[in-house]
């Protein structure tokens, strides 16, 4: 087998593996997004509670405001992490697709073509 064809096969296999491996960062990004959602939900609950005690208990309101800031900070960090994970996953998927398509093109373009045959099927003409 030609070395170029072998390299194209290796590129296609690596492309498939890298593309499949991109599912891991996509999955982690999904988990991080769910965690960010739970932090935002907690901050919303605390916001409702802080609004309800705003007039009656200013000290409790201040404490709840600090907790809200803490939970929204966690959510902000998680959203930044999710964005980074998704970016990495898309880059992995693009690299895998590039390897797969590039290897496939090289494989197709370097295939052996049969040598032209002389017209063996024609009957000799007798005069």
C-alpha atoms as a PDB file:
ATOM      1  CA  UNK A   1       0.000   0.000   0.000  1.00  0.00           C
ATOM      2  CA  UNK A   2       1.234   3.476  -0.820  1.00  0.00           C
ATOM      3  CA  UNK A   3       2.473   5.530   2.140  1.00  0.00           C
ATOM      4  CA  UNK A   4       0.188   8.432   1.240  1.00  0.00           C
ATOM      5  CA  UNK A   5      -2.863   6.163   1.290  1.00  0.00           C
ATOM      6  CA  UNK A   6      -1.769   4.774   4.648  1.00  0.00           C
ATOM      7  CA  UNK A   7      -1.466   8.301   6.034  1.00  0.00           C
ATOM      8  CA  UNK A   8      -4.928   9.135   4.707  1.00  0.00           C
ATOM      9  CA  UNK A   9      -6.387   6.077   6.458  1.00  0.00           C
ATOM     10  CA  UNK A  10      -4.674   7.063   9.715  1.00  0.00           C
ATOM     11  CA  UNK A  11      -6.023  10.619   9.325  1.00  0.00           C
ATOM     12  CA  UNK A  12      -9.559   9.313   8.830  1.00  0.00           C
ATOM     13  CA  UNK A  13      -9.328   7.048  11.880  1.00  0.00           C
ATOM     14  CA  UNK A  14      -7.897   9.876  14.001  1.00  0.00           C
ATOM     15  CA  UNK A  15     -10.651  12.158  12.727  1.00  0.00           C
ATOM     16  CA  UNK A  16     -13.291   9.685  13.838  1.00  0.00           C
ATOM     17  CA  UNK A  17     -11.658   9.261  17.246  1.00  0.00           C
ATOM     18  CA  UNK A  18     -11.221  12.993  17.860  1.00  0.00           C
ATOM     19  CA  UNK A  19     -14.754  13.687  16.678  1.00  0.00           C
ATOM     20  CA  UNK A  20     -16.136  11.016  18.988  1.00  0.00           C
ATOM     21  CA  UNK A  21     -14.003  12.271  21.878  1.00  0.00           C
ATOM     22  CA  UNK A  22     -15.551  15.732  21.479  1.00  0.00           C
ATOM     23  CA  UNK A  23     -18.669  14.281  23.096  1.00  0.00           C
ATOM     24  CA  UNK A  24     -16.846  14.384  26.453  1.00  0.00           C
ATOM     25  CA  UNK A  25     -16.398  18.175  26.626  1.00  0.00           C
ATOM     26  CA  UNK A  26     -19.922  18.662  25.239  1.00  0.00           C
ATOM     27  CA  UNK A  27     -21.229  16.476  28.069  1.00  0.00           C
ATOM     28  CA  UNK A  28     -19.191  18.331  30.678  1.00  0.00           C
ATOM     29  CA  UNK A  29     -20.429  21.660  29.307  1.00  0.00           C
ATOM     30  CA  UNK A  30     -23.988  20.415  29.682  1.00  0.00           C
ATOM     31  CA  UNK A  31     -23.337  19.440  33.304  1.00  0.00           C
ATOM     32  CA  UNK A  32     -21.736  22.821  33.988  1.00  0.00           C
ATOM     33  CA  UNK A  33     -24.744  24.564  32.437  1.00  0.00           C
ATOM     34  CA  UNK A  34     -27.079  22.603  34.699  1.00  0.00           C
ATOM     35  CA  UNK A  35     -24.985  23.596  37.703  1.00  0.00           C
ATOM     36  CA  UNK A  36     -25.136  27.261  36.643  1.00  0.00           C
ATOM     37  CA  UNK A  37     -28.915  26.981  36.309  1.00  0.00           C
ATOM     38  CA  UNK A  38     -29.192  25.583  39.824  1.00  0.00           C
ATOM     39  CA  UNK A  39     -27.071  28.469  41.162  1.00  0.00           C
ATOM     40  CA  UNK A  40     -29.310  30.977  39.400  1.00  0.00           C
ATOM     41  CA  UNK A  41     -32.406  29.241  40.782  1.00  0.00           C
ATOM     42  CA  UNK A  42     -30.964  29.495  44.287  1.00  0.00           C
ATOM     43  CA  UNK A  43     -30.229  33.197  43.719  1.00  0.00           C
ATOM     44  CA  UNK A  44     -33.830  33.740  42.544  1.00  0.00           C
ATOM     45  CA  UNK A  45     -35.194  32.065  45.668  1.00  0.00           C
ATOM     46  CA  UNK A  46     -32.993  34.221  47.852  1.00  0.00           C
ATOM     47  CA  UNK A  47     -34.058  37.320  45.921  1.00  0.00           C
ATOM     48  CA  UNK A  48     -37.729  36.569  46.590  1.00  0.00           C
ATOM     49  CA  UNK A  49     -36.967  36.000  50.253  1.00  0.00           C
ATOM     50  CA  UNK A  50     -34.906  39.203  50.429  1.00  0.00           C
ATOM     51  CA  UNK A  51     -37.746  41.164  48.856  1.00  0.00           C
ATOM     52  CA  UNK A  52     -40.196  39.794  51.398  1.00  0.00           C
ATOM     53  CA  UNK A  53     -38.055  40.832  54.413  1.00  0.00           C
ATOM     54  CA  UNK A  54     -36.761  44.099  52.958  1.00  0.00           C
ATOM     55  CA  UNK A  55     -38.946  46.340  55.120  1.00  0.00           C
ATOM     56  CA  UNK A  56     -39.330  44.162  58.213  1.00  0.00           C
ATOM     57  CA  UNK A  57     -35.740  42.942  58.781  1.00  0.00           C
ATOM     58  CA  UNK A  58     -32.991  45.084  57.160  1.00  0.00           C
ATOM     59  CA  UNK A  59     -30.175  43.005  58.691  1.00  0.00           C
ATOM     60  CA  UNK A  60     -31.597  39.794  57.210  1.00  0.00           C
ATOM     61  CA  UNK A  61     -32.075  41.591  53.889  1.00  0.00           C
ATOM     62  CA  UNK A  62     -28.394  42.577  53.857  1.00  0.00           C
ATOM     63  CA  UNK A  63     -27.350  38.997  54.669  1.00  0.00           C
ATOM     64  CA  UNK A  64     -29.557  37.640  51.879  1.00  0.00           C
ATOM     65  CA  UNK A  65     -28.162  40.217  49.438  1.00  0.00           C
ATOM     66  CA  UNK A  66     -24.649  38.980  50.175  1.00  0.00           C
ATOM     67  CA  UNK A  67     -25.751  35.380  49.601  1.00  0.00           C
ATOM     68  CA  UNK A  68     -27.415  36.408  46.330  1.00  0.00           C
ATOM     69  CA  UNK A  69     -24.141  37.982  45.215  1.00  0.00           C
ATOM     70  CA  UNK A  70     -22.298  34.782  46.165  1.00  0.00           C
ATOM     71  CA  UNK A  71     -24.678  32.526  44.174  1.00  0.00           C
ATOM     72  CA  UNK A  72     -24.712  34.804  41.135  1.00  0.00           C
ATOM     73  CA  UNK A  73     -20.903  34.829  41.262  1.00  0.00           C
ATOM     74  CA  UNK A  74     -20.905  31.032  41.223  1.00  0.00           C
ATOM     75  CA  UNK A  75     -23.312  31.067  38.282  1.00  0.00           C
ATOM     76  CA  UNK A  76     -21.167  33.591  36.405  1.00  0.00           C
ATOM     77  CA  UNK A  77     -18.066  31.455  36.890  1.00  0.00           C
ATOM     78  CA  UNK A  78     -19.933  28.340  35.764  1.00  0.00           C
ATOM     79  CA  UNK A  79     -21.247  30.084  32.648  1.00  0.00           C
ATOM     80  CA  UNK A  80     -17.718  31.179  31.718  1.00  0.00           C
ATOM     81  CA  UNK A  81     -16.495  27.621  32.253  1.00  0.00           C
ATOM     82  CA  UNK A  82     -19.358  26.253  30.152  1.00  0.00           C
ATOM     83  CA  UNK A  83     -18.491  28.622  27.319  1.00  0.00           C
ATOM     84  CA  UNK A  84     -14.861  27.528  27.447  1.00  0.00           C
ATOM     85  CA  UNK A  85     -15.825  23.852  27.448  1.00  0.00           C
ATOM     86  CA  UNK A  86     -18.157  24.320  24.498  1.00  0.00           C
ATOM     87  CA  UNK A  87     -15.473  26.190  22.580  1.00  0.00           C
ATOM     88  CA  UNK A  88     -13.024  23.357  23.158  1.00  0.00           C
ATOM     89  CA  UNK A  89     -15.590  20.770  22.156  1.00  0.00           C
ATOM     90  CA  UNK A  90     -16.398  22.606  18.915  1.00  0.00           C
ATOM     91  CA  UNK A  91     -12.662  22.903  18.172  1.00  0.00           C
ATOM     92  CA  UNK A  92     -12.216  19.167  18.718  1.00  0.00           C
ATOM     93  CA  UNK A  93     -15.183  18.410  16.484  1.00  0.00           C
ATOM     94  CA  UNK A  94     -13.846  20.716  13.771  1.00  0.00           C
ATOM     95  CA  UNK A  95     -10.381  19.138  13.958  1.00  0.00           C
ATOM     96  CA  UNK A  96     -11.861  15.646  13.773  1.00  0.00           C
ATOM     97  CA  UNK A  97     -14.046  16.610  10.830  1.00  0.00           C
ATOM     98  CA  UNK A  98     -11.078  18.179   9.066  1.00  0.00           C
ATOM     99  CA  UNK A  99      -8.976  15.067   9.533  1.00  0.00           C
ATOM    100  CA  UNK A 100     -11.794  12.823   8.375  1.00  0.00           C
ATOM    101  CA  UNK A 101     -12.617  14.879   5.287  1.00  0.00           C
ATOM    102  CA  UNK A 102      -8.963  15.522   4.431  1.00  0.00           C
ATOM    103  CA  UNK A 103      -8.043  11.869   4.835  1.00  0.00           C
ATOM    104  CA  UNK A 104     -11.028  10.814   2.765  1.00  0.00           C
ATOM    105  CA  UNK A 105     -10.140  13.221  -0.032  1.00  0.00           C
ATOM    106  CA  UNK A 106      -6.527  12.078  -0.094  1.00  0.00           C
ATOM    107  CA  UNK A 107      -7.656   8.458  -0.060  1.00  0.00           C
ATOM    108  CA  UNK A 108      -9.993   9.003  -3.007  1.00  0.00           C
ATOM    109  CA  UNK A 109      -7.540  11.100  -4.990  1.00  0.00           C
ATOM    110  CA  UNK A 110      -4.681   8.605  -4.625  1.00  0.00           C
ATOM    111  CA  UNK A 111      -6.607   5.498  -5.569  1.00  0.00           C
ATOM    112  CA  UNK A 112      -5.088   3.369  -8.252  1.00  0.00           C
ATOM    113  CA  UNK A 113      -6.704   3.519 -11.591  1.00  0.00           C
ATOM    114  CA  UNK A 114      -6.455   0.541 -13.895  1.00  0.00           C
ATOM    115  CA  UNK A 115      -3.921   0.957 -16.658  1.00  0.00           C
ATOM    116  CA  UNK A 116      -5.455   1.502 -20.054  1.00  0.00           C
ATOM    117  CA  UNK A 117      -5.806  -1.787 -21.848  1.00  0.00           C
ATOM    118  CA  UNK A 118      -5.143  -2.180 -25.514  1.00  0.00           C
ATOM    119  CA  UNK A 119      -8.266  -3.056 -27.398  1.00  0.00           C
ATOM    120  CA  UNK A 120      -8.018  -6.764 -26.692  1.00  0.00           C
ATOM    121  CA  UNK A 121     -11.712  -7.274 -27.214  1.00  0.00           C
ATOM    122  CA  UNK A 122     -11.685  -6.178 -30.818  1.00  0.00           C
ATOM    123  CA  UNK A 123     -11.420  -8.852 -33.443  1.00  0.00           C
ATOM    124  CA  UNK A 124      -8.628  -8.427 -35.889  1.00  0.00           C
ATOM    125  CA  UNK A 125      -9.903  -7.377 -39.254  1.00  0.00           C
ATOM    126  CA  UNK A 126      -9.256  -9.835 -42.077  1.00  0.00           C
ATOM    127  CA  UNK A 127      -8.946  -8.584 -45.584  1.00  0.00           C
END
